[in-house]
Protein backbone atom coordinates (compact mmCIF):
# COMPACT_ATOMS: atom_id res chain seq x y z
CA MET A 1 285.73 94.98 84.70
CA ARG A 2 283.92 98.23 83.59
CA SER A 3 280.71 96.72 83.82
CA ASP A 4 280.92 95.52 87.53
CA LYS A 5 282.03 99.21 88.08
CA LYS A 6 278.78 100.67 86.52
CA HIS A 7 276.86 98.20 88.14
CA PHE A 8 278.07 98.76 91.42
CA ASN A 9 277.67 102.84 91.06
CA ARG A 10 274.08 101.91 89.81
CA LEU A 11 273.49 99.80 92.90
CA ASN A 12 275.11 102.47 95.39
CA SER A 13 273.17 105.32 93.90
CA LYS A 14 270.02 103.27 94.31
CA ILE A 15 271.07 102.23 97.86
CA ASN A 16 271.95 106.56 98.68
CA ASN A 17 268.52 107.15 97.43
CA LYS A 18 266.99 104.47 99.74
CA LEU A 19 268.44 105.90 102.91
CA ARG A 20 267.88 109.44 102.01
CA TYR A 21 264.32 108.79 101.74
CA ASN A 22 264.53 106.81 105.07
CA HIS A 23 266.34 109.70 106.77
CA ILE A 24 263.80 112.16 105.38
CA ALA A 25 260.88 110.09 106.58
CA ALA A 26 262.73 109.06 110.35
CA VAL A 27 263.10 112.99 110.81
CA PHE A 28 259.81 114.73 109.70
CA LEU A 29 257.38 112.18 110.67
CA PRO A 30 257.99 112.08 114.35
CA PHE A 31 258.36 116.22 114.14
CA LEU A 32 255.01 116.14 112.22
CA LEU A 33 253.25 113.61 114.68
CA GLY A 34 254.89 115.44 117.66
CA LEU A 35 252.93 118.54 116.20
CA LEU A 36 249.74 116.97 116.06
CA TRP A 37 250.21 115.31 119.75
CA VAL A 38 249.80 119.12 121.12
CA SER A 39 246.63 119.30 119.47
CA ASN A 40 245.05 115.83 120.00
CA TYR A 41 247.42 112.86 121.23
CA GLN A 42 244.47 110.08 119.88
CA ILE A 43 245.55 111.44 116.34
CA VAL A 44 248.67 109.98 116.94
CA PHE A 45 247.78 106.59 117.46
CA PHE A 46 245.37 106.12 114.83
CA CYS A 47 248.39 107.46 112.58
CA GLY A 48 250.42 104.55 113.73
CA ALA A 49 247.49 102.17 113.56
CA ALA A 50 247.39 103.03 109.68
CA ILE A 51 251.13 103.12 108.86
CA SER A 52 251.15 99.85 110.59
CA CYS A 53 248.18 98.73 108.42
CA MET A 54 249.88 100.20 105.25
CA SER A 55 252.95 98.02 105.95
CA LEU A 56 251.12 94.74 106.80
CA MET A 57 249.85 95.39 102.80
CA VAL A 58 253.12 95.97 101.39
CA VAL A 59 254.41 92.91 103.36
CA LEU A 60 251.48 90.98 101.97
CA THR A 61 252.25 91.13 98.27
CA ILE A 62 255.96 89.78 98.91
CA ARG A 63 255.48 85.98 96.97
CA SER A 64 256.17 83.26 98.97
CA GLU A 65 258.07 81.82 96.19
CA LEU A 66 260.82 84.22 96.23
CA LEU A 67 260.87 84.34 100.19
CA LYS A 68 261.63 80.30 99.71
CA GLY A 69 264.42 80.82 97.01
CA ALA A 70 266.05 83.49 99.44
CA ASN A 71 266.24 81.02 102.05
CA ASN A 72 267.40 78.13 100.03
CA ARG A 73 270.25 80.06 98.65
CA HIS A 74 271.84 80.82 101.95
CA VAL A 75 271.68 77.33 103.25
């Protein structure tokens, strides 16, 4: 029982950290891009395209075997 509680606490800690980083990005990125918008709005669109490309690269690193296994478990 104690190991389950430790595992839950570690998992909860990791989730809290990820949510914190997501919140920081969700608050500061629009603020910084808003400041850039005032000087040159085109830079904001280039930054958005760069972020999208980086996100696509990260998604492409997910192995298809992991996705197949995850889909089979929920059936």
